[in-house]
Amino acid sequence: MFNLKDKVAVITGAAGGIGRGIALALAKRGCHLALADIDEANLAKTAAEMAARGMRVTHYRLDVSDAAQIAAFPARVLADHKGVDLLFNNAGVAIGGTFEQVSEADFDWLLSINLFGVIRMTRAFMPLLRGSEEARIVNLSSLFGLIAPPGQTAYAASKFAVRGFSNALRHELEMEGAKIGVTVVHPGGIATSIAKNARVPTGMNSAEVDKQLKDFQVFLRMPPEQAGEIIVRAVEGRKARVLVGNDAKAAGLIERLMPVNYWKLIGRSLKT
């Protein structure tokens, strides 16, 4: 097992949801934390809660869509911690609507966070991770990195890309014999605020937005603390991939069995 005690973990999107759940699971294991988010108020609350457990906990305002902020971030963390052993690329956003409803600007905005934020954070922290005796990069994909429902072109594009990036990076690091592992995470319906906070395309009427939100909220059931525990256990076990929730496991199986026509089955089940 990967012993997480006294390791240092960087977590983006740590103000709430799965990021906070990951922080809590790591704190229980004695891991020091460098928490980042754009939501400063809730980030401070998370940091205070974790610090009460006795580890070193620092927090930083970080916009992962800003390349300059990411480039400067490792130095800020290194000023407060001895190094970095774990990087959790968790920050993410969503946007509703079909491909033609989502503007190019909104599509680019989502990719700048969900995909390029992951890539840039990985590139920025790779030198510090290489300095660790054993390190791990944990990238949050999604259930929608396994299946691609209608109305999720932007989100699915970003999460499938995170999956591909993570797998290729893992293979590269394995080939060179590096002491850095890569875990890609596919959470199913986790009870976070991502749907409520999703950006709404211009032109979508309020009734359509309310219906989509109501339909989506039904599937967000697992507490983020439970999801965080599952993810951290996978890290301890050096797992390359983890499906969080029975919905993610079922969807992953159906997609493998019916790689072209899976949505005919899944779509029908959602209507019943």
C-alpha atoms as a PDB file:
ATOM      1  CA  MET A   1       0.000   0.000   0.000  1.00  0.00           C
ATOM      2  CA  PHE A   2       1.085   3.553  -0.731  1.00  0.00           C
ATOM      3  CA  ASN A   3       1.610   5.069   2.743  1.00  0.00           C
ATOM      4  CA  LEU A   4       0.126   8.586   2.664  1.00  0.00           C
ATOM      5  CA  LYS A   5       1.210   9.678   6.133  1.00  0.00           C
ATOM      6  CA  ASP A   6       3.351  12.836   6.019  1.00  0.00           C
ATOM      7  CA  LYS A   7       3.062  13.048   2.229  1.00  0.00           C
ATOM      8  CA  VAL A   8       2.110  16.386   0.648  1.00  0.00           C
ATOM      9  CA  ALA A   9      -0.925  16.559  -1.631  1.00  0.00           C
ATOM     10  CA  VAL A  10      -2.033  19.397  -3.910  1.00  0.00           C
ATOM     11  CA  ILE A  11      -5.783  19.406  -4.588  1.00  0.00           C
ATOM     12  CA  THR A  12      -7.573  21.738  -6.993  1.00  0.00           C
ATOM     13  CA  GLY A  13     -11.282  22.430  -6.616  1.00  0.00           C
ATOM     14  CA  ALA A  14     -10.888  21.807  -2.880  1.00  0.00           C
ATOM     15  CA  ALA A  15     -13.493  24.284  -1.606  1.00  0.00           C
ATOM     16  CA  GLY A  16     -16.260  21.688  -1.685  1.00  0.00           C
ATOM     17  CA  GLY A  17     -17.642  18.586  -3.360  1.00  0.00           C
ATOM     18  CA  ILE A  18     -15.276  15.794  -4.326  1.00  0.00           C
ATOM     19  CA  GLY A  19     -12.211  17.989  -3.689  1.00  0.00           C
ATOM     20  CA  ARG A  20     -13.227  18.476  -0.072  1.00  0.00           C
ATOM     21  CA  GLY A  21     -14.022  14.737   0.172  1.00  0.00           C
ATOM     22  CA  ILE A  22     -10.530  13.880  -1.076  1.00  0.00           C
ATOM     23  CA  ALA A  23      -8.977  16.336   1.387  1.00  0.00           C
ATOM     24  CA  LEU A  24     -10.900  14.783   4.264  1.00  0.00           C
ATOM     25  CA  ALA A  25      -9.852  11.235   3.336  1.00  0.00           C
ATOM     26  CA  LEU A  26      -6.200  12.316   3.048  1.00  0.00           C
ATOM     27  CA  ALA A  27      -6.322  14.229   6.327  1.00  0.00           C
ATOM     28  CA  LYS A  28      -7.551  11.105   8.118  1.00  0.00           C
ATOM     29  CA  ARG A  29      -4.373   9.406   6.916  1.00  0.00           C
ATOM     30  CA  GLY A  30      -2.038  12.148   8.140  1.00  0.00           C
ATOM     31  CA  CYS A  31      -1.321  13.686   4.735  1.00  0.00           C
ATOM     32  CA  HIS A  32      -0.338  17.373   4.546  1.00  0.00           C
ATOM     33  CA  LEU A  33      -2.481  19.454   2.208  1.00  0.00           C
ATOM     34  CA  ALA A  34      -2.076  22.316  -0.244  1.00  0.00           C
ATOM     35  CA  LEU A  35      -5.638  23.238  -1.189  1.00  0.00           C
ATOM     36  CA  ALA A  36      -6.569  25.408  -4.161  1.00  0.00           C
ATOM     37  CA  ASP A  37      -9.798  26.859  -5.495  1.00  0.00           C
ATOM     38  CA  ILE A  38     -11.249  30.028  -6.965  1.00  0.00           C
ATOM     39  CA  ASP A  39     -13.889  30.072  -4.179  1.00  0.00           C
ATOM     40  CA  GLU A  40     -11.854  31.659  -1.389  1.00  0.00           C
ATOM     41  CA  ALA A  41     -14.562  31.722   1.290  1.00  0.00           C
ATOM     42  CA  ASN A  42     -15.428  28.016   1.164  1.00  0.00           C
ATOM     43  CA  LEU A  43     -11.781  27.099   0.589  1.00  0.00           C
ATOM     44  CA  ALA A  44     -10.853  28.790   3.872  1.00  0.00           C
ATOM     45  CA  LYS A  45     -13.573  26.786   5.640  1.00  0.00           C
ATOM     46  CA  THR A  46     -12.281  23.509   4.200  1.00  0.00           C
ATOM     47  CA  ALA A  47      -8.701  24.397   5.143  1.00  0.00           C
ATOM     48  CA  ALA A  48      -9.689  25.254   8.726  1.00  0.00           C
ATOM     49  CA  GLU A  49     -11.612  21.979   9.060  1.00  0.00           C
ATOM     50  CA  MET A  50      -8.646  19.931   7.834  1.00  0.00           C
ATOM     51  CA  ALA A  51      -6.066  21.865   9.864  1.00  0.00           C
ATOM     52  CA  ALA A  52      -7.931  20.927  13.042  1.00  0.00           C
ATOM     53  CA  ARG A  53      -6.692  17.379  12.486  1.00  0.00           C
ATOM     54  CA  GLY A  54      -3.102  18.441  13.098  1.00  0.00           C
ATOM     55  CA  MET A  55      -1.453  18.300   9.673  1.00  0.00           C
ATOM     56  CA  ARG A  56       0.077  21.196   7.781  1.00  0.00           C
ATOM     57  CA  VAL A  57      -2.701  22.682   5.658  1.00  0.00           C
ATOM     58  CA  THR A  58      -2.298  25.670   3.358  1.00  0.00           C
ATOM     59  CA  HIS A  59      -4.787  27.163   0.934  1.00  0.00           C
ATOM     60  CA  TYR A  60      -4.438  29.315  -2.167  1.00  0.00           C
ATOM     61  CA  ARG A  61      -6.767  31.128  -4.517  1.00  0.00           C
ATOM     62  CA  LEU A  62      -6.148  29.620  -7.941  1.00  0.00           C
ATOM     63  CA  ASP A  63      -7.972  29.984 -11.241  1.00  0.00           C
ATOM     64  CA  VAL A  64      -7.008  26.873 -13.210  1.00  0.00           C
ATOM     65  CA  SER A  65      -8.082  28.534 -16.460  1.00  0.00           C
ATOM     66  CA  ASP A  66      -5.231  31.034 -15.999  1.00  0.00           C
ATOM     67  CA  ALA A  67      -1.959  29.660 -17.400  1.00  0.00           C
ATOM     68  CA  ALA A  68       0.160  32.301 -15.635  1.00  0.00           C
ATOM     69  CA  GLN A  69      -1.352  31.507 -12.227  1.00  0.00           C
ATOM     70  CA  ILE A  70      -0.675  27.803 -12.729  1.00  0.00           C
ATOM     71  CA  ALA A  71       2.923  28.413 -13.808  1.00  0.00           C
ATOM     72  CA  ALA A  72       3.552  30.417 -10.614  1.00  0.00           C
ATOM     73  CA  PHE A  73       1.711  28.002  -8.324  1.00  0.00           C
ATOM     74  CA  PRO A  74       4.425  25.362  -7.642  1.00  0.00           C
ATOM     75  CA  ALA A  75       6.725  28.025  -6.186  1.00  0.00           C
ATOM     76  CA  ARG A  76       3.946  29.180  -3.856  1.00  0.00           C
ATOM     77  CA  VAL A  77       3.382  25.625  -2.638  1.00  0.00           C
ATOM     78  CA  LEU A  78       7.104  24.949  -2.270  1.00  0.00           C
ATOM     79  CA  ALA A  79       7.439  28.038  -0.086  1.00  0.00           C
ATOM     80  CA  ASP A  80       5.073  26.387   2.417  1.00  0.00           C
ATOM     81  CA  HIS A  81       5.829  22.672   2.040  1.00  0.00           C
ATOM     82  CA  LYS A  82       8.942  20.511   1.732  1.00  0.00           C
ATOM     83  CA  GLY A  83       7.830  19.124  -1.644  1.00  0.00           C
ATOM     84  CA  VAL A  84       4.858  17.567  -3.435  1.00  0.00           C
ATOM     85  CA  ASP A  85       4.053  13.859  -3.592  1.00  0.00           C
ATOM     86  CA  LEU A  86       0.466  13.852  -4.868  1.00  0.00           C
ATOM     87  CA  LEU A  87      -1.389  16.010  -7.381  1.00  0.00           C
ATOM     88  CA  PHE A  88      -5.190  15.773  -7.547  1.00  0.00           C
ATOM     89  CA  ASN A  89      -6.509  17.572 -10.638  1.00  0.00           C
ATOM     90  CA  ASN A  90     -10.103  17.811  -9.489  1.00  0.00           C
ATOM     91  CA  ALA A  91     -11.349  21.293 -10.442  1.00  0.00           C
ATOM     92  CA  GLY A  92     -14.081  21.207 -13.058  1.00  0.00           C
ATOM     93  CA  VAL A  93     -17.124  23.003 -14.436  1.00  0.00           C
ATOM     94  CA  ALA A  94     -20.148  22.073 -16.542  1.00  0.00           C
ATOM     95  CA  ILE A  95     -22.357  23.656 -19.146  1.00  0.00           C
ATOM     96  CA  GLY A  96     -25.756  22.478 -20.364  1.00  0.00           C
ATOM     97  CA  GLY A  97     -27.111  22.489 -23.873  1.00  0.00           C
ATOM     98  CA  THR A  98     -26.543  20.860 -27.228  1.00  0.00           C
ATOM     99  CA  PHE A  99     -23.475  21.543 -29.367  1.00  0.00           C
ATOM    100  CA  GLU A 100     -25.288  24.215 -31.372  1.00  0.00           C
ATOM    101  CA  GLN A 101     -26.660  25.875 -28.234  1.00  0.00           C
ATOM    102  CA  VAL A 102     -23.220  26.170 -26.605  1.00  0.00           C
ATOM    103  CA  SER A 103     -21.238  29.111 -27.959  1.00  0.00           C
ATOM    104  CA  GLU A 104     -17.620  28.755 -29.019  1.00  0.00           C
ATOM    105  CA  ALA A 105     -16.594  31.039 -26.135  1.00  0.00           C
ATOM    106  CA  ASP A 106     -18.417  28.869 -23.579  1.00  0.00           C
ATOM    107  CA  PHE A 107     -16.985  25.677 -25.101  1.00  0.00           C
ATOM    108  CA  ASP A 108     -13.469  27.152 -24.864  1.00  0.00           C
ATOM    109  CA  TRP A 109     -14.109  28.301 -21.274  1.00  0.00           C
ATOM    110  CA  LEU A 110     -15.031  24.773 -20.201  1.00  0.00           C
ATOM    111  CA  LEU A 111     -12.013  23.228 -21.937  1.00  0.00           C
ATOM    112  CA  SER A 112      -9.691  25.805 -20.355  1.00  0.00           C
ATOM    113  CA  ILE A 113     -10.646  24.467 -16.917  1.00  0.00           C
ATOM    114  CA  ASN A 114     -11.548  20.804 -17.372  1.00  0.00           C
ATOM    115  CA  LEU A 115      -8.799  19.896 -19.826  1.00  0.00           C
ATOM    116  CA  PHE A 116      -6.091  22.531 -20.124  1.00  0.00           C
ATOM    117  CA  GLY A 117      -6.168  23.134 -16.368  1.00  0.00           C
ATOM    118  CA  VAL A 118      -5.321  19.432 -15.879  1.00  0.00           C
ATOM    119  CA  ILE A 119      -2.580  19.491 -18.499  1.00  0.00           C
ATOM    120  CA  ARG A 120      -0.987  22.712 -17.258  1.00  0.00           C
ATOM    121  CA  MET A 121      -1.105  21.671 -13.598  1.00  0.00           C
ATOM    122  CA  THR A 122       0.539  18.367 -14.492  1.00  0.00           C
ATOM    123  CA  ARG A 123       3.265  20.093 -16.482  1.00  0.00           C
ATOM    124  CA  ALA A 124       3.863  22.684 -13.749  1.00  0.00           C
ATOM    125  CA  PHE A 125       4.165  20.140 -10.920  1.00  0.00           C
ATOM    126  CA  MET A 126       6.044  17.399 -12.768  1.00  0.00           C
ATOM    127  CA  PRO A 127       9.492  18.630 -11.585  1.00  0.00           C
ATOM    128  CA  LEU A 128       8.355  18.559  -7.931  1.00  0.00           C
ATOM    129  CA  LEU A 129       6.731  15.141  -8.351  1.00  0.00           C
ATOM    130  CA  ARG A 130       9.961  13.795  -9.847  1.00  0.00           C
ATOM    131  CA  GLY A 131      11.713  14.859  -6.656  1.00  0.00           C
ATOM    132  CA  SER A 132       9.509  12.562  -4.553  1.00  0.00           C
ATOM    133  CA  GLU A 133      10.466   9.011  -3.583  1.00  0.00           C
ATOM    134  CA  GLU A 134       7.042   7.951  -4.860  1.00  0.00           C
ATOM    135  CA  ALA A 135       4.484  10.255  -6.428  1.00  0.00           C
ATOM    136  CA  ARG A 136       1.067  10.050  -8.031  1.00  0.00           C
ATOM    137  CA  ILE A 137      -1.024  12.185 -10.367  1.00  0.00           C
ATOM    138  CA  VAL A 138      -4.784  11.731  -9.937  1.00  0.00           C
ATOM    139  CA  ASN A 139      -6.934  13.170 -12.714  1.00  0.00           C
ATOM    140  CA  LEU A 140     -10.701  13.463 -12.374  1.00  0.00           C
ATOM    141  CA  SER A 141     -12.506  12.398 -15.518  1.00  0.00           C
ATOM    142  CA  SER A 142     -16.188  11.487 -15.205  1.00  0.00           C
ATOM    143  CA  LEU A 143     -18.927   9.013 -15.961  1.00  0.00           C
ATOM    144  CA  PHE A 144     -19.136  11.173 -19.083  1.00  0.00           C
ATOM    145  CA  GLY A 145     -15.565  10.190 -19.872  1.00  0.00           C
ATOM    146  CA  LEU A 146     -16.945   6.659 -20.357  1.00  0.00           C
ATOM    147  CA  ILE A 147     -20.215   7.438 -22.121  1.00  0.00           C
ATOM    148  CA  ALA A 148     -21.259  10.509 -24.095  1.00  0.00           C
ATOM    149  CA  PRO A 149     -24.913  11.514 -23.602  1.00  0.00           C
ATOM    150  CA  PRO A 150     -26.688  14.006 -25.832  1.00  0.00           C
ATOM    151  CA  GLY A 151     -26.546  17.530 -24.454  1.00  0.00           C
ATOM    152  CA  GLN A 152     -23.041  17.005 -23.045  1.00  0.00           C
ATOM    153  CA  THR A 153     -20.769  17.638 -26.035  1.00  0.00           C
ATOM    154  CA  ALA A 154     -18.516  20.122 -24.240  1.00  0.00           C
ATOM    155  CA  TYR A 155     -18.322  18.252 -20.935  1.00  0.00           C
ATOM    156  CA  ALA A 156     -17.876  14.825 -22.537  1.00  0.00           C
ATOM    157  CA  ALA A 157     -15.201  16.182 -24.885  1.00  0.00           C
ATOM    158  CA  SER A 158     -13.208  17.455 -21.912  1.00  0.00           C
ATOM    159  CA  LYS A 159     -13.601  14.323 -19.808  1.00  0.00           C
ATOM    160  CA  PHE A 160     -12.807  11.870 -22.619  1.00  0.00           C
ATOM    161  CA  ALA A 161      -9.702  13.978 -23.277  1.00  0.00           C
ATOM    162  CA  VAL A 162      -8.664  13.805 -19.607  1.00  0.00           C
ATOM    163  CA  ARG A 163      -9.016  10.025 -19.802  1.00  0.00           C
ATOM    164  CA  GLY A 164      -6.842   9.797 -22.921  1.00  0.00           C
ATOM    165  CA  PHE A 165      -4.242  12.216 -21.573  1.00  0.00           C
ATOM    166  CA  SER A 166      -3.996  10.296 -18.286  1.00  0.00           C
ATOM    167  CA  ASN A 167      -3.633   6.896 -19.939  1.00  0.00           C
ATOM    168  CA  ALA A 168      -0.970   8.046 -22.411  1.00  0.00           C
ATOM    169  CA  LEU A 169       0.964   9.835 -19.663  1.00  0.00           C
ATOM    170  CA  ARG A 170       0.866   6.715 -17.480  1.00  0.00           C
ATOM    171  CA  HIS A 171       2.287   4.624 -20.303  1.00  0.00           C
ATOM    172  CA  GLU A 172       5.078   7.140 -20.911  1.00  0.00           C
ATOM    173  CA  LEU A 173       6.063   7.214 -17.237  1.00  0.00           C
ATOM    174  CA  GLU A 174       5.967   3.416 -17.010  1.00  0.00           C
ATOM    175  CA  MET A 175       8.215   3.081 -20.076  1.00  0.00           C
ATOM    176  CA  GLU A 176      10.863   5.327 -18.554  1.00  0.00           C
ATOM    177  CA  GLY A 177      10.643   3.642 -15.139  1.00  0.00           C
ATOM    178  CA  ALA A 178       9.595   6.839 -13.351  1.00  0.00           C
ATOM    179  CA  LYS A 179       8.381   6.705  -9.759  1.00  0.00           C
ATOM    180  CA  ILE A 180       5.242   8.628 -10.691  1.00  0.00           C
ATOM    181  CA  GLY A 181       1.967   6.757 -11.099  1.00  0.00           C
ATOM    182  CA  VAL A 182      -1.193   8.044 -12.752  1.00  0.00           C
ATOM    183  CA  THR A 183      -4.757   7.341 -11.654  1.00  0.00           C
ATOM    184  CA  VAL A 184      -7.766   8.393 -13.722  1.00  0.00           C
ATOM    185  CA  VAL A 185     -11.054   8.676 -11.833  1.00  0.00           C
ATOM    186  CA  HIS A 186     -14.543   8.295 -13.305  1.00  0.00           C
ATOM    187  CA  PRO A 187     -17.100   9.457 -10.721  1.00  0.00           C
ATOM    188  CA  GLY A 188     -20.764   8.733 -11.355  1.00  0.00           C
ATOM    189  CA  GLY A 189     -23.571  10.693  -9.705  1.00  0.00           C
ATOM    190  CA  ILE A 190     -21.919  12.466  -6.762  1.00  0.00           C
ATOM    191  CA  ALA A 191     -23.986  14.928  -4.707  1.00  0.00           C
ATOM    192  CA  THR A 192     -22.006  18.068  -5.551  1.00  0.00           C
ATOM    193  CA  SER A 193     -23.081  21.506  -6.760  1.00  0.00           C
ATOM    194  CA  ILE A 194     -21.616  21.122 -10.270  1.00  0.00           C
ATOM    195  CA  ALA A 195     -25.044  20.803 -11.921  1.00  0.00           C
ATOM    196  CA  LYS A 196     -26.530  23.714  -9.961  1.00  0.00           C
ATOM    197  CA  ASN A 197     -23.527  25.876 -10.831  1.00  0.00           C
ATOM    198  CA  ALA A 198     -23.408  24.842 -14.498  1.00  0.00           C
ATOM    199  CA  ARG A 199     -23.232  27.670 -17.015  1.00  0.00           C
ATOM    200  CA  VAL A 200     -26.409  28.145 -19.059  1.00  0.00           C
ATOM    201  CA  PRO A 201     -26.050  28.914 -22.779  1.00  0.00           C
ATOM    202  CA  THR A 202     -27.573  32.145 -23.999  1.00  0.00           C
ATOM    203  CA  GLY A 203     -30.953  31.495 -25.574  1.00  0.00           C
ATOM    204  CA  MET A 204     -31.995  28.478 -23.484  1.00  0.00           C
ATOM    205  CA  ASN A 205     -35.374  29.209 -21.938  1.00  0.00           C
ATOM    206  CA  SER A 206     -35.781  28.941 -18.176  1.00  0.00           C
ATOM    207  CA  ALA A 207     -38.270  26.048 -18.362  1.00  0.00           C
ATOM    208  CA  GLU A 208     -35.781  23.955 -20.346  1.00  0.00           C
ATOM    209  CA  VAL A 209     -32.993  24.807 -17.895  1.00  0.00           C
ATOM    210  CA  ASP A 210     -35.130  23.927 -14.862  1.00  0.00           C
ATOM    211  CA  LYS A 211     -36.146  20.585 -16.397  1.00  0.00           C
ATOM    212  CA  GLN A 212     -32.558  19.614 -17.221  1.00  0.00           C
ATOM    213  CA  LEU A 213     -31.405  20.537 -13.703  1.00  0.00           C
ATOM    214  CA  LYS A 214     -34.243  18.600 -12.076  1.00  0.00           C
ATOM    215  CA  ASP A 215     -33.611  15.523 -14.227  1.00  0.00           C
ATOM    216  CA  PHE A 216     -29.866  15.629 -13.553  1.00  0.00           C
ATOM    217  CA  GLN A 217     -30.140  16.167  -9.775  1.00  0.00           C
ATOM    218  CA  VAL A 218     -31.981  12.844  -9.405  1.00  0.00           C
ATOM    219  CA  PHE A 219     -28.772  10.982 -10.274  1.00  0.00           C
ATOM    220  CA  LEU A 220     -26.492  12.902  -7.883  1.00  0.00           C
ATOM    221  CA  ARG A 221     -26.756  10.620  -4.876  1.00  0.00           C
ATOM    222  CA  MET A 222     -23.390   9.543  -3.455  1.00  0.00           C
ATOM    223  CA  PRO A 223     -22.032  11.816  -0.703  1.00  0.00           C
ATOM    224  CA  PRO A 224     -18.765  13.461  -1.800  1.00  0.00           C
ATOM    225  CA  GLU A 225     -17.085  12.249   1.389  1.00  0.00           C
ATOM    226  CA  GLN A 226     -17.759   8.662   0.292  1.00  0.00           C
ATOM    227  CA  ALA A 227     -16.424   9.409  -3.176  1.00  0.00           C
ATOM    228  CA  GLY A 228     -13.289  10.950  -1.670  1.00  0.00           C
ATOM    229  CA  GLU A 229     -12.686   7.853   0.436  1.00  0.00           C
ATOM    230  CA  ILE A 230     -13.046   5.561  -2.601  1.00  0.00           C
ATOM    231  CA  ILE A 231     -10.605   7.687  -4.595  1.00  0.00           C
ATOM    232  CA  VAL A 232      -7.989   7.816  -1.849  1.00  0.00           C
ATOM    233  CA  ARG A 233      -8.230   4.071  -1.266  1.00  0.00           C
ATOM    234  CA  ALA A 234      -7.528   3.605  -4.976  1.00  0.00           C
ATOM    235  CA  VAL A 235      -4.464   5.826  -4.632  1.00  0.00           C
ATOM    236  CA  GLU A 236      -3.279   3.755  -1.667  1.00  0.00           C
ATOM    237  CA  GLY A 237      -3.671   0.667  -3.843  1.00  0.00           C
ATOM    238  CA  ARG A 238      -1.863   2.326  -6.779  1.00  0.00           C
ATOM    239  CA  LYS A 239      -4.859   1.722  -9.030  1.00  0.00           C
ATOM    240  CA  ALA A 240      -4.618   3.016 -12.600  1.00  0.00           C
ATOM    241  CA  ARG A 241      -8.367   3.554 -12.901  1.00  0.00           C
ATOM    242  CA  VAL A 242     -11.258   3.831 -10.474  1.00  0.00           C
ATOM    243  CA  LEU A 243     -14.986   3.913 -11.227  1.00  0.00           C
ATOM    244  CA  VAL A 244     -16.830   5.655  -8.401  1.00  0.00           C
ATOM    245  CA  GLY A 245     -20.391   4.448  -7.928  1.00  0.00           C
ATOM    246  CA  ASN A 246     -22.515   1.650  -9.339  1.00  0.00           C
ATOM    247  CA  ASP A 247     -23.793   3.949 -12.088  1.00  0.00           C
ATOM    248  CA  ALA A 248     -20.251   4.489 -13.401  1.00  0.00           C
ATOM    249  CA  LYS A 249     -19.494   0.755 -13.175  1.00  0.00           C
ATOM    250  CA  ALA A 250     -22.706  -0.192 -15.002  1.00  0.00           C
ATOM    251  CA  ALA A 251     -22.215   2.440 -17.714  1.00  0.00           C
ATOM    252  CA  GLY A 252     -18.607   1.349 -18.229  1.00  0.00           C
ATOM    253  CA  LEU A 253     -19.697  -2.262 -18.674  1.00  0.00           C
ATOM    254  CA  ILE A 254     -22.535  -1.405 -21.091  1.00  0.00           C
ATOM    255  CA  GLU A 255     -20.211   0.788 -23.168  1.00  0.00           C
ATOM    256  CA  ARG A 256     -17.698  -2.062 -23.494  1.00  0.00           C
ATOM    257  CA  LEU A 257     -20.425  -4.502 -24.554  1.00  0.00           C
ATOM    258  CA  MET A 258     -22.178  -2.046 -26.906  1.00  0.00           C
ATOM    259  CA  PRO A 259     -19.550   0.531 -27.911  1.00  0.00           C
ATOM    260  CA  VAL A 260     -21.685   2.020 -30.704  1.00  0.00           C
ATOM    261  CA  ASN A 261     -25.268   1.473 -29.573  1.00  0.00           C
ATOM    262  CA  TYR A 262     -25.003   1.789 -25.777  1.00  0.00           C
ATOM    263  CA  TRP A 263     -27.052   4.985 -25.702  1.00  0.00           C
ATOM    264  CA  LYS A 264     -30.076   3.247 -27.210  1.00  0.00           C
ATOM    265  CA  LEU A 265     -30.163   1.069 -24.093  1.00  0.00           C
ATOM    266  CA  ILE A 266     -29.161   3.709 -21.535  1.00  0.00           C
ATOM    267  CA  GLY A 267     -31.387   6.384 -23.058  1.00  0.00           C
ATOM    268  CA  ARG A 268     -34.431   4.097 -22.929  1.00  0.00           C
ATOM    269  CA  SER A 269     -33.758   3.243 -19.273  1.00  0.00           C
ATOM    270  CA  LEU A 270     -33.623   6.930 -18.346  1.00  0.00           C
ATOM    271  CA  LYS A 271     -37.070   7.521 -19.854  1.00  0.00           C
ATOM    272  CA  THR A 272     -38.730   4.739 -17.865  1.00  0.00           C
END
